Amino acid sequence: MPIYILATKLQNPDLVKKRKEQGEKWLKLVREKVPDIKWIAHYAILGPYDFLDVFEVKNEKEAAKVSLLSRSAGATLAESWTAIPYTEFLELAEDLK
Protein backbone atom coordinates (compact mmCIF):
# COMPACT_ATOMS: atom_id res chain seq x y z
CA MET A 1 0.00 0.00 0.00
CA PRO A 2 1.16 3.57 -0.61
CA ILE A 3 2.71 5.48 2.29
CA TYR A 4 1.49 8.93 3.28
CA ILE A 5 2.67 11.54 5.74
CA LEU A 6 0.27 13.85 7.56
CA ALA A 7 1.57 16.99 9.25
CA THR A 8 -0.90 18.79 11.53
CA LYS A 9 -0.97 21.94 13.61
CA LEU A 10 -3.38 22.11 16.52
CA GLN A 11 -6.09 24.71 16.58
CA ASN A 12 -5.55 25.37 20.27
CA PRO A 13 -2.24 24.02 21.58
CA ASP A 14 -3.21 25.21 25.07
CA LEU A 15 -5.44 22.17 25.40
CA VAL A 16 -2.52 19.95 26.41
CA LYS A 17 -4.46 18.56 29.37
CA LYS A 18 -7.06 17.12 26.99
CA ARG A 19 -4.57 16.06 24.29
CA LYS A 20 -4.56 12.35 25.12
CA GLU A 21 -8.36 12.19 25.21
CA GLN A 22 -8.70 14.15 21.97
CA GLY A 23 -6.03 12.07 20.26
CA GLU A 24 -7.72 8.81 21.23
CA LYS A 25 -11.07 10.12 20.01
CA TRP A 26 -9.54 11.12 16.65
CA LEU A 27 -7.77 7.77 16.31
CA LYS A 28 -11.01 5.88 16.95
CA LEU A 29 -12.81 7.99 14.32
CA VAL A 30 -10.07 7.39 11.75
CA ARG A 31 -10.17 3.64 12.38
CA GLU A 32 -13.95 3.66 11.88
CA LYS A 33 -13.85 5.68 8.65
CA VAL A 34 -10.61 4.24 7.22
CA PRO A 35 -10.53 0.66 8.55
CA ASP A 36 -7.64 -0.50 6.33
CA ILE A 37 -5.21 2.13 7.64
CA LYS A 38 -1.87 0.85 8.88
CA TRP A 39 -0.07 3.23 11.23
CA ILE A 40 3.69 3.34 10.84
CA ALA A 41 4.63 6.21 13.18
CA HIS A 42 3.25 9.11 15.19
CA TYR A 43 5.44 11.95 16.43
CA ALA A 44 5.00 15.20 18.33
CA ILE A 45 7.40 17.55 16.58
CA LEU A 46 8.98 20.98 16.88
CA GLY A 47 8.59 23.54 14.12
CA PRO A 48 5.57 24.84 12.22
CA TYR A 49 3.55 21.65 12.87
CA ASP A 50 2.68 19.88 16.11
CA PHE A 51 2.33 16.29 14.92
CA LEU A 52 3.60 14.07 12.13
CA ASP A 53 1.89 10.80 11.25
CA VAL A 54 3.16 8.18 8.82
CA PHE A 55 0.65 5.63 7.58
CA GLU A 56 -0.33 3.31 4.75
CA VAL A 57 -3.70 3.33 3.02
CA LYS A 58 -4.85 1.95 -0.30
CA ASN A 59 -5.08 5.25 -2.21
CA GLU A 60 -5.08 9.04 -2.10
CA LYS A 61 -8.82 9.17 -1.38
CA GLU A 62 -8.29 7.24 1.84
CA ALA A 63 -5.37 9.54 2.71
CA ALA A 64 -7.61 12.55 2.10
CA LYS A 65 -10.14 11.13 4.56
CA VAL A 66 -7.45 10.97 7.24
CA SER A 67 -6.51 14.57 6.56
CA LEU A 68 -10.12 15.77 6.57
CA LEU A 69 -10.81 13.93 9.81
CA SER A 70 -7.81 15.66 11.33
CA ARG A 71 -9.23 19.05 10.36
CA SER A 72 -12.68 18.16 11.68
CA ALA A 73 -11.10 17.11 15.00
CA GLY A 74 -9.51 20.50 15.60
CA ALA A 75 -6.34 20.76 13.52
CA THR A 76 -5.88 24.25 12.08
CA LEU A 77 -3.58 22.99 9.34
CA ALA A 78 -3.20 19.56 7.83
CA GLU A 79 -0.89 18.69 4.97
CA SER A 80 -0.62 15.27 3.40
CA TRP A 81 2.31 14.05 1.33
CA THR A 82 3.05 10.87 -0.57
CA ALA A 83 6.19 9.09 0.56
CA ILE A 84 8.34 6.72 -1.48
CA PRO A 85 10.59 4.32 0.44
CA TYR A 86 14.24 5.18 -0.23
CA THR A 87 15.07 1.81 -1.78
CA GLU A 88 12.19 2.24 -4.25
CA PHE A 89 13.41 5.76 -5.02
CA LEU A 90 16.85 4.36 -5.83
CA GLU A 91 15.23 1.85 -8.20
CA LEU A 92 13.42 4.70 -9.95
CA ALA A 93 16.67 6.62 -10.31
CA GLU A 94 18.39 3.52 -11.68
CA ASP A 95 15.66 3.14 -14.32
CA LEU A 96 16.51 6.62 -15.62
CA LYS A 97 20.03 5.62 -16.64
PDB file of N, CA and C in Angstrom:
ATOM      1  N   MET A   1       0.844  -1.186   0.000  1.00  0.00           N
ATOM      2  CA  MET A   1       0.000   0.000   0.000  1.00  0.00           C
ATOM      3  C   MET A   1       0.884   1.243   0.000  1.00  0.00           C
ATOM      4  N   PRO A   2       0.398   2.330  -0.612  1.00  0.00           N
ATOM      5  CA  PRO A   2       1.158   3.573  -0.611  1.00  0.00           C
ATOM      6  C   PRO A   2       1.321   4.140   0.801  1.00  0.00           C
ATOM      7  N   ILE A   3       2.410   4.859   0.997  1.00  0.00           N
ATOM      8  CA  ILE A   3       2.708   5.480   2.288  1.00  0.00           C
ATOM      9  C   ILE A   3       2.416   6.972   2.182  1.00  0.00           C
ATOM     10  N   TYR A   4       1.806   7.513   3.225  1.00  0.00           N
ATOM     11  CA  TYR A   4       1.489   8.931   3.285  1.00  0.00           C
ATOM     12  C   TYR A   4       1.993   9.511   4.601  1.00  0.00           C
ATOM     13  N   ILE A   5       2.256  10.814   4.554  1.00  0.00           N
ATOM     14  CA  ILE A   5       2.673  11.541   5.745  1.00  0.00           C
ATOM     15  C   ILE A   5       1.653  12.655   5.959  1.00  0.00           C
ATOM     16  N   LEU A   6       1.220  12.803   7.199  1.00  0.00           N
ATOM     17  CA  LEU A   6       0.273  13.855   7.558  1.00  0.00           C
ATOM     18  C   LEU A   6       0.918  14.740   8.611  1.00  0.00           C
ATOM     19  N   ALA A   7       1.057  16.016   8.301  1.00  0.00           N
ATOM     20  CA  ALA A   7       1.572  16.991   9.253  1.00  0.00           C
ATOM     21  C   ALA A   7       0.403  17.859   9.699  1.00  0.00           C
ATOM     22  N   THR A   8       0.218  18.009  11.019  1.00  0.00           N
ATOM     23  CA  THR A   8      -0.904  18.789  11.530  1.00  0.00           C
ATOM     24  C   THR A   8      -0.448  19.816  12.563  1.00  0.00           C
ATOM     25  N   LYS A   9      -1.170  20.901  12.610  1.00  0.00           N
ATOM     26  CA  LYS A   9      -0.973  21.941  13.611  1.00  0.00           C
ATOM     27  C   LYS A   9      -2.283  22.057  14.379  1.00  0.00           C
ATOM     28  N   LEU A  10      -2.181  22.043  15.694  1.00  0.00           N
ATOM     29  CA  LEU A  10      -3.378  22.107  16.517  1.00  0.00           C
ATOM     30  C   LEU A  10      -4.026  23.477  16.458  1.00  0.00           C
ATOM     31  N   GLN A  11      -5.338  23.467  16.561  1.00  0.00           N
ATOM     32  CA  GLN A  11      -6.087  24.711  16.581  1.00  0.00           C
ATOM     33  C   GLN A  11      -5.808  25.466  17.871  1.00  0.00           C
ATOM     34  N   ASN A  12      -5.777  24.747  18.975  1.00  0.00           N
ATOM     35  CA  ASN A  12      -5.555  25.367  20.267  1.00  0.00           C
ATOM     36  C   ASN A  12      -4.546  24.542  21.056  1.00  0.00           C
ATOM     37  N   PRO A  13      -3.256  24.831  20.897  1.00  0.00           N
ATOM     38  CA  PRO A  13      -2.238  24.025  21.578  1.00  0.00           C
ATOM     39  C   PRO A  13      -2.291  24.133  23.099  1.00  0.00           C
ATOM     40  N   ASP A  14      -3.078  25.074  23.614  1.00  0.00           N
ATOM     41  CA  ASP A  14      -3.212  25.213  25.068  1.00  0.00           C
ATOM     42  C   ASP A  14      -4.008  24.073  25.696  1.00  0.00           C
ATOM     43  N   LEU A  15      -4.628  23.263  24.878  1.00  0.00           N
ATOM     44  CA  LEU A  15      -5.443  22.166  25.400  1.00  0.00           C
ATOM     45  C   LEU A  15      -4.616  20.915  25.668  1.00  0.00           C
ATOM     46  N   VAL A  16      -3.423  21.079  26.169  1.00  0.00           N
ATOM     47  CA  VAL A  16      -2.524  19.953  26.407  1.00  0.00           C
ATOM     48  C   VAL A  16      -3.138  18.958  27.379  1.00  0.00           C
ATOM     49  N   LYS A  17      -3.857  19.441  28.367  1.00  0.00           N
ATOM     50  CA  LYS A  17      -4.461  18.558  29.366  1.00  0.00           C
ATOM     51  C   LYS A  17      -5.436  17.574  28.735  1.00  0.00           C
ATOM     52  N   LYS A  18      -6.074  17.973  27.650  1.00  0.00           N
ATOM     53  CA  LYS A  18      -7.056  17.117  26.987  1.00  0.00           C
ATOM     54  C   LYS A  18      -6.475  16.412  25.763  1.00  0.00           C
ATOM     55  N   ARG A  19      -5.179  16.585  25.516  1.00  0.00           N
ATOM     56  CA  ARG A  19      -4.568  16.063  24.294  1.00  0.00           C
ATOM     57  C   ARG A  19      -4.733  14.556  24.147  1.00  0.00           C
ATOM     58  N   LYS A  20      -4.462  13.810  25.212  1.00  0.00           N
ATOM     59  CA  LYS A  20      -4.563  12.349  25.119  1.00  0.00           C
ATOM     60  C   LYS A  20      -5.989  11.933  24.775  1.00  0.00           C
ATOM     61  N   GLU A  21      -6.949  12.513  25.460  1.00  0.00           N
ATOM     62  CA  GLU A  21      -8.357  12.190  25.208  1.00  0.00           C
ATOM     63  C   GLU A  21      -8.759  12.546  23.781  1.00  0.00           C
ATOM     64  N   GLN A  22      -8.363  13.732  23.335  1.00  0.00           N
ATOM     65  CA  GLN A  22      -8.703  14.154  21.972  1.00  0.00           C
ATOM     66  C   GLN A  22      -8.019  13.277  20.929  1.00  0.00           C
ATOM     67  N   GLY A  23      -6.759  12.928  21.182  1.00  0.00           N
ATOM     68  CA  GLY A  23      -6.029  12.069  20.257  1.00  0.00           C
ATOM     69  C   GLY A  23      -6.660  10.691  20.137  1.00  0.00           C
ATOM     70  N   GLU A  24      -7.073  10.137  21.257  1.00  0.00           N
ATOM     71  CA  GLU A  24      -7.715   8.812  21.230  1.00  0.00           C
ATOM     72  C   GLU A  24      -9.056   8.859  20.513  1.00  0.00           C
ATOM     73  N   LYS A  25      -9.785   9.954  20.698  1.00  0.00           N
ATOM     74  CA  LYS A  25     -11.072  10.123  20.010  1.00  0.00           C
ATOM     75  C   LYS A  25     -10.857  10.210  18.503  1.00  0.00           C
ATOM     76  N   TRP A  26      -9.843  10.990  18.079  1.00  0.00           N
ATOM     77  CA  TRP A  26      -9.536  11.120  16.652  1.00  0.00           C
ATOM     78  C   TRP A  26      -9.106   9.779  16.065  1.00  0.00           C
ATOM     79  N   LEU A  27      -8.257   9.061  16.786  1.00  0.00           N
ATOM     80  CA  LEU A  27      -7.769   7.769  16.313  1.00  0.00           C
ATOM     81  C   LEU A  27      -8.917   6.784  16.127  1.00  0.00           C
ATOM     82  N   LYS A  28      -9.845   6.764  17.051  1.00  0.00           N
ATOM     83  CA  LYS A  28     -11.015   5.885  16.946  1.00  0.00           C
ATOM     84  C   LYS A  28     -11.843   6.241  15.709  1.00  0.00           C
ATOM     85  N   LEU A  29     -12.039   7.532  15.481  1.00  0.00           N
ATOM     86  CA  LEU A  29     -12.809   7.986  14.323  1.00  0.00           C
ATOM     87  C   LEU A  29     -12.119   7.587  13.018  1.00  0.00           C
ATOM     88  N   VAL A  30     -10.807   7.771  12.953  1.00  0.00           N
ATOM     89  CA  VAL A  30     -10.067   7.392  11.746  1.00  0.00           C
ATOM     90  C   VAL A  30     -10.191   5.892  11.507  1.00  0.00           C
ATOM     91  N   ARG A  31     -10.061   5.100  12.547  1.00  0.00           N
ATOM     92  CA  ARG A  31     -10.169   3.637  12.383  1.00  0.00           C
ATOM     93  C   ARG A  31     -11.553   3.219  11.916  1.00  0.00           C
ATOM     94  N   GLU A  32     -12.588   3.954  12.332  1.00  0.00           N
ATOM     95  CA  GLU A  32     -13.947   3.655  11.879  1.00  0.00           C
ATOM     96  C   GLU A  32     -14.132   4.009  10.404  1.00  0.00           C
ATOM     97  N   LYS A  33     -13.629   5.175  10.009  1.00  0.00           N
ATOM     98  CA  LYS A  33     -13.853   5.678   8.653  1.00  0.00           C
ATOM     99  C   LYS A  33     -12.845   5.154   7.628  1.00  0.00           C
ATOM    100  N   VAL A  34     -11.674   4.756   8.104  1.00  0.00           N
ATOM    101  CA  VAL A  34     -10.612   4.244   7.217  1.00  0.00           C
ATOM    102  C   VAL A  34     -10.081   2.947   7.849  1.00  0.00           C
ATOM    103  N   PRO A  35     -10.883   1.886   7.810  1.00  0.00           N
ATOM    104  CA  PRO A  35     -10.531   0.663   8.545  1.00  0.00           C
ATOM    105  C   PRO A  35      -9.257  -0.048   8.082  1.00  0.00           C
ATOM    106  N   ASP A  36      -8.830   0.184   6.841  1.00  0.00           N
ATOM    107  CA  ASP A  36      -7.638  -0.504   6.333  1.00  0.00           C
ATOM    108  C   ASP A  36      -6.335   0.242   6.622  1.00  0.00           C
ATOM    109  N   ILE A  37      -6.413   1.347   7.365  1.00  0.00           N
ATOM    110  CA  ILE A  37      -5.215   2.133   7.639  1.00  0.00           C
ATOM    111  C   ILE A  37      -4.213   1.320   8.456  1.00  0.00           C
ATOM    112  N   LYS A  38      -2.948   1.488   8.117  1.00  0.00           N
ATOM    113  CA  LYS A  38      -1.870   0.850   8.884  1.00  0.00           C
ATOM    114  C   LYS A  38      -0.954   1.975   9.356  1.00  0.00           C
ATOM    115  N   TRP A  39      -0.905   2.181  10.659  1.00  0.00           N
ATOM    116  CA  TRP A  39      -0.071   3.234  11.232  1.00  0.00           C
ATOM    117  C   TRP A  39       1.377   2.782  11.270  1.00  0.00           C
ATOM    118  N   ILE A  40       2.264   3.625  10.811  1.00  0.00           N
ATOM    119  CA  ILE A  40       3.695   3.339  10.836  1.00  0.00           C
ATOM    120  C   ILE A  40       4.369   4.108  11.961  1.00  0.00           C
ATOM    121  N   ALA A  41       4.005   5.391  12.133  1.00  0.00           N
ATOM    122  CA  ALA A  41       4.630   6.206  13.181  1.00  0.00           C
ATOM    123  C   ALA A  41       3.754   7.407  13.511  1.00  0.00           C
ATOM    124  N   HIS A  42       3.932   7.905  14.729  1.00  0.00           N
ATOM    125  CA  HIS A  42       3.250   9.115  15.186  1.00  0.00           C
ATOM    126  C   HIS A  42       4.228   9.878  16.063  1.00  0.00           C
ATOM    127  N   TYR A  43       4.480  11.132  15.697  1.00  0.00           N
ATOM    128  CA  TYR A  43       5.443  11.949  16.432  1.00  0.00           C
ATOM    129  C   TYR A  43       4.845  13.297  16.797  1.00  0.00           C
ATOM    130  N   ALA A  44       5.189  13.789  17.982  1.00  0.00           N
ATOM    131  CA  ALA A  44       4.996  15.195  18.328  1.00  0.00           C
ATOM    132  C   ALA A  44       6.300  15.859  17.905  1.00  0.00           C
ATOM    133  N   ILE A  45       6.201  16.954  17.159  1.00  0.00           N
ATOM    134  CA  ILE A  45       7.401  17.547  16.582  1.00  0.00           C
ATOM    135  C   ILE A  45       7.518  19.037  16.909  1.00  0.00           C
ATOM    136  N   LEU A  46       8.717  19.552  16.753  1.00  0.00           N
ATOM    137  CA  LEU A  46       8.982  20.979  16.880  1.00  0.00           C
ATOM    138  C   LEU A  46       8.928  21.597  15.498  1.00  0.00           C
ATOM    139  N   GLY A  47       8.642  22.879  15.416  1.00  0.00           N
ATOM    140  CA  GLY A  47       8.588  23.543  14.118  1.00  0.00           C
ATOM    141  C   GLY A  47       7.189  24.045  13.828  1.00  0.00           C
ATOM    142  N   PRO A  48       6.863  24.241  12.560  1.00  0.00           N
ATOM    143  CA  PRO A  48       5.570  24.835  12.215  1.00  0.00           C
ATOM    144  C   PRO A  48       4.379  23.898  12.439  1.00  0.00           C
ATOM    145  N   TYR A  49       4.624  22.611  12.609  1.00  0.00           N
ATOM    146  CA  TYR A  49       3.552  21.652  12.866  1.00  0.00           C
ATOM    147  C   TYR A  49       3.731  21.049  14.245  1.00  0.00           C
ATOM    148  N   ASP A  50       2.646  20.499  14.785  1.00  0.00           N
ATOM    149  CA  ASP A  50       2.679  19.884  16.112  1.00  0.00           C
ATOM    150  C   ASP A  50       2.844  18.367  16.058  1.00  0.00           C
ATOM    151  N   PHE A  51       2.284  17.747  15.023  1.00  0.00           N
ATOM    152  CA  PHE A  51       2.333  16.290  14.920  1.00  0.00           C
ATOM    153  C   PHE A  51       2.657  15.844  13.501  1.00  0.00           C
ATOM    154  N   LEU A  52       3.275  14.683  13.413  1.00  0.00           N
ATOM    155  CA  LEU A  52       3.603  14.067  12.133  1.00  0.00           C
ATOM    156  C   LEU A  52       3.198  12.601  12.214  1.00  0.00           C
ATOM    157  N   ASP A  53       2.345  12.185  11.299  1.00  0.00           N
ATOM    158  CA  ASP A  53       1.894  10.798  11.245  1.00  0.00           C
ATOM    159  C   ASP A  53       2.334  10.176   9.933  1.00  0.00           C
ATOM    160  N   VAL A  54       2.775   8.941  10.005  1.00  0.00           N
ATOM    161  CA  VAL A  54       3.159   8.177   8.822  1.00  0.00           C
ATOM    162  C   VAL A  54       2.258   6.947   8.798  1.00  0.00           C
ATOM    163  N   PHE A  55       1.601   6.734   7.650  1.00  0.00           N
ATOM    164  CA  PHE A  55       0.648   5.633   7.579  1.00  0.00           C
ATOM    165  C   PHE A  55       0.530   5.110   6.155  1.00  0.00           C
ATOM    166  N   GLU A  56      -0.035   3.925   6.051  1.00  0.00           N
ATOM    167  CA  GLU A  56      -0.326   3.312   4.753  1.00  0.00           C
ATOM    168  C   GLU A  56      -1.833   3.207   4.592  1.00  0.00           C
ATOM    169  N   VAL A  57      -2.309   3.551   3.412  1.00  0.00           N
ATOM    170  CA  VAL A  57      -3.701   3.329   3.021  1.00  0.00           C
ATOM    171  C   VAL A  57      -3.705   2.949   1.548  1.00  0.00           C
ATOM    172  N   LYS A  58      -4.844   2.490   1.054  1.00  0.00           N
ATOM    173  CA  LYS A  58      -4.849   1.950  -0.304  1.00  0.00           C
ATOM    174  C   LYS A  58      -4.761   2.983  -1.416  1.00  0.00           C
ATOM    175  N   ASN A  59      -5.152   4.244  -1.152  1.00  0.00           N
ATOM    176  CA  ASN A  59      -5.077   5.250  -2.213  1.00  0.00           C
ATOM    177  C   ASN A  59      -5.176   6.658  -1.640  1.00  0.00           C
ATOM    178  N   GLU A  60      -5.068   7.649  -2.542  1.00  0.00           N
ATOM    179  CA  GLU A  60      -5.081   9.040  -2.099  1.00  0.00           C
ATOM    180  C   GLU A  60      -6.426   9.477  -1.534  1.00  0.00           C
ATOM    181  N   LYS A  61      -7.506   8.829  -1.938  1.00  0.00           N
ATOM    182  CA  LYS A  61      -8.820   9.173  -1.380  1.00  0.00           C
ATOM    183  C   LYS A  61      -8.886   8.804   0.099  1.00  0.00           C
ATOM    184  N   GLU A  62      -8.336   7.648   0.433  1.00  0.00           N
ATOM    185  CA  GLU A  62      -8.294   7.242   1.843  1.00  0.00           C
ATOM    186  C   GLU A  62      -7.379   8.180   2.645  1.00  0.00           C
ATOM    187  N   ALA A  63      -6.272   8.596   2.041  1.00  0.00           N
ATOM    188  CA  ALA A  63      -5.366   9.541   2.707  1.00  0.00           C
ATOM    189  C   ALA A  63      -6.072  10.878   2.928  1.00  0.00           C
ATOM    190  N   ALA A  64      -6.864  11.301   1.957  1.00  0.00           N
ATOM    191  CA  ALA A  64      -7.611  12.551   2.097  1.00  0.00           C
ATOM    192  C   ALA A  64      -8.615  12.465   3.243  1.00  0.00           C
ATOM    193  N   LYS A  65      -9.223  11.312   3.428  1.00  0.00           N
ATOM    194  CA  LYS A  65     -10.143  11.134   4.556  1.00  0.00           C
ATOM    195  C   LYS A  65      -9.428  11.352   5.879  1.00  0.00           C
ATOM    196  N   VAL A  66      -8.221  10.807   6.007  1.00  0.00           N
ATOM    197  CA  VAL A  66      -7.451  10.969   7.243  1.00  0.00           C
ATOM    198  C   VAL A  66      -7.174  12.447   7.482  1.00  0.00           C
ATOM    199  N   SER A  67      -6.789  13.146   6.448  1.00  0.00           N
ATOM    200  CA  SER A  67      -6.507  14.574   6.555  1.00  0.00           C
ATOM    201  C   SER A  67      -7.761  15.362   6.933  1.00  0.00           C
ATOM    202  N   LEU A  68      -8.866  15.075   6.277  1.00  0.00           N
ATOM    203  CA  LEU A  68     -10.118  15.771   6.575  1.00  0.00           C
ATOM    204  C   LEU A  68     -10.593  15.487   7.992  1.00  0.00           C
ATOM    205  N   LEU A  69     -10.430  14.263   8.442  1.00  0.00           N
ATOM    206  CA  LEU A  69     -10.809  13.927   9.815  1.00  0.00           C
ATOM    207  C   LEU A  69      -9.948  14.674  10.813  1.00  0.00           C
ATOM    208  N   SER A  70      -8.707  14.891  10.475  1.00  0.00           N
ATOM    209  CA  SER A  70      -7.814  15.664  11.333  1.00  0.00           C
ATOM    210  C   SER A  70      -8.314  17.097  11.461  1.00  0.00           C
ATOM    211  N   ARG A  71      -8.705  17.681  10.343  1.00  0.00           N
ATOM    212  CA  ARG A  71      -9.233  19.050  10.362  1.00  0.00           C
ATOM    213  C   ARG A  71     -10.531  19.117  11.151  1.00  0.00           C
ATOM    214  N   SER A  72     -11.395  18.131  10.969  1.00  0.00           N
ATOM    215  CA  SER A  72     -12.679  18.157  11.677  1.00  0.00           C
ATOM    216  C   SER A  72     -12.507  17.929  13.182  1.00  0.00           C
ATOM    217  N   ALA A  73     -11.355  17.371  13.574  1.00  0.00           N
ATOM    218  CA  ALA A  73     -11.097  17.111  15.000  1.00  0.00           C
ATOM    219  C   ALA A  73     -10.315  18.240  15.661  1.00  0.00           C
ATOM    220  N   GLY A  74     -10.115  19.356  14.957  1.00  0.00           N
ATOM    221  CA  GLY A  74      -9.507  20.503  15.596  1.00  0.00           C
ATOM    222  C   GLY A  74      -8.151  20.940  15.102  1.00  0.00           C
ATOM    223  N   ALA A  75      -7.623  20.303  14.076  1.00  0.00           N
ATOM    224  CA  ALA A  75      -6.344  20.758  13.523  1.00  0.00           C
ATOM    225  C   ALA A  75      -6.595  22.011  12.685  1.00  0.00           C
ATOM    226  N   THR A  76      -5.773  23.033  12.875  1.00  0.00           N
ATOM    227  CA  THR A  76      -5.878  24.250  12.085  1.00  0.00           C
ATOM    228  C   THR A  76      -5.341  24.015  10.681  1.00  0.00           C
ATOM    229  N   LEU A  77      -4.222  23.318  10.609  1.00  0.00           N
ATOM    230  CA  LEU A  77      -3.583  22.994   9.338  1.00  0.00           C
ATOM    231  C   LEU A  77      -3.364  21.496   9.257  1.00  0.00           C
ATOM    232  N   ALA A  78      -3.508  20.970   8.073  1.00  0.00           N
ATOM    233  CA  ALA A  78      -3.205  19.557   7.830  1.00  0.00           C
ATOM    234  C   ALA A  78      -2.679  19.448   6.406  1.00  0.00           C
ATOM    235  N   GLU A  79      -1.481  18.922   6.275  1.00  0.00           N
ATOM    236  CA  GLU A  79      -0.887  18.691   4.965  1.00  0.00           C
ATOM    237  C   GLU A  79      -0.577  17.214   4.827  1.00  0.00           C
ATOM    238  N   SER A  80      -0.907  16.678   3.671  1.00  0.00           N
ATOM    239  CA  SER A  80      -0.619  15.272   3.399  1.00  0.00           C
ATOM    240  C   SER A  80       0.359  15.176   2.239  1.00  0.00           C
ATOM    241  N   TRP A  81       1.298  14.272   2.366  1.00  0.00           N
ATOM    242  CA  TRP A  81       2.307  14.055   1.332  1.00  0.00           C
ATOM    243  C   TRP A  81       2.425  12.570   1.041  1.00  0.00           C
ATOM    244  N   THR A  82       2.741  12.244  -0.194  1.00  0.00           N
ATOM    245  CA  THR A  82       3.047  10.875  -0.570  1.00  0.00           C
ATOM    246  C   THR A  82       4.513  10.620  -0.248  1.00  0.00           C
ATOM    247  N   ALA A  83       4.811   9.447   0.247  1.00  0.00           N
ATOM    248  CA  ALA A  83       6.195   9.088   0.563  1.00  0.00           C
ATOM    249  C   ALA A  83       6.590   7.845  -0.223  1.00  0.00           C
ATOM    250  N   ILE A  84       7.796   7.861  -0.755  1.00  0.00           N
ATOM    251  CA  ILE A  84       8.343   6.715  -1.481  1.00  0.00           C
ATOM    252  C   ILE A  84       9.502   6.171  -0.654  1.00  0.00           C
ATOM    253  N   PRO A  85       9.457   4.889  -0.293  1.00  0.00           N
ATOM    254  CA  PRO A  85      10.594   4.320   0.438  1.00  0.00           C
ATOM    255  C   PRO A  85      11.897   4.547  -0.334  1.00  0.00           C
ATOM    256  N   TYR A  86      12.963   4.810   0.385  1.00  0.00           N
ATOM    257  CA  TYR A  86      14.235   5.183  -0.233  1.00  0.00           C
ATOM    258  C   TYR A  86      14.734   4.134  -1.220  1.00  0.00           C
ATOM    259  N   THR A  87      14.592   2.858  -0.866  1.00  0.00           N
ATOM    260  CA  THR A  87      15.067   1.813  -1.781  1.00  0.00           C
ATOM    261  C   THR A  87      14.280   1.836  -3.097  1.00  0.00           C
ATOM    262  N   GLU A  88      12.992   2.127  -3.030  1.00  0.00           N
ATOM    263  CA  GLU A  88      12.191   2.237  -4.249  1.00  0.00           C
ATOM    264  C   GLU A  88      12.599   3.474  -5.052  1.00  0.00           C
ATOM    265  N   PHE A  89      12.924   4.565  -4.358  1.00  0.00           N
ATOM    266  CA  PHE A  89      13.406   5.762  -5.024  1.00  0.00           C
ATOM    267  C   PHE A  89      14.699   5.473  -5.795  1.00  0.00           C
ATOM    268  N   LEU A  90      15.603   4.719  -5.166  1.00  0.00           N
ATOM    269  CA  LEU A  90      16.855   4.358  -5.831  1.00  0.00           C
ATOM    270  C   LEU A  90      16.592   3.533  -7.089  1.00  0.00           C
ATOM    271  N   GLU A  91      15.598   2.645  -7.024  1.00  0.00           N
ATOM    272  CA  GLU A  91      15.235   1.854  -8.201  1.00  0.00           C
ATOM    273  C   GLU A  91      14.709   2.759  -9.316  1.00  0.00           C
ATOM    274  N   LEU A  92      13.915   3.758  -8.960  1.00  0.00           N
ATOM    275  CA  LEU A  92      13.415   4.705  -9.953  1.00  0.00           C
ATOM    276  C   LEU A  92      14.579   5.453 -10.603  1.00  0.00           C
ATOM    277  N   ALA A  93      15.497   5.896  -9.790  1.00  0.00           N
ATOM    278  CA  ALA A  93      16.674   6.622 -10.311  1.00  0.00           C
ATOM    279  C   ALA A  93      17.480   5.721 -11.226  1.00  0.00           C
ATOM    280  N   GLU A  94      17.614   4.467 -10.861  1.00  0.00           N
ATOM    281  CA  GLU A  94      18.395   3.517 -11.681  1.00  0.00           C
ATOM    282  C   GLU A  94      17.725   3.319 -13.039  1.00  0.00           C
ATOM    283  N   ASP A  95      16.398   3.311 -13.065  1.00  0.00           N
ATOM    284  CA  ASP A  95      15.661   3.145 -14.324  1.00  0.00           C
ATOM    285  C   ASP A  95      15.880   4.306 -15.279  1.00  0.00           C
ATOM    286  N   LEU A  96      16.300   5.451 -14.776  1.00  0.00           N
ATOM    287  CA  LEU A  96      16.509   6.622 -15.621  1.00  0.00           C
ATOM    288  C   LEU A  96      17.841   6.609 -16.357  1.00  0.00           C
ATOM    289  N   LYS A  97      18.704   5.695 -15.982  1.00  0.00           N
ATOM    290  CA  LYS A  97      20.028   5.620 -16.644  1.00  0.00           C
ATOM    291  C   LYS A  97      19.923   5.059 -18.037  1.00  0.00           C
TER     292      LYS A  97
END
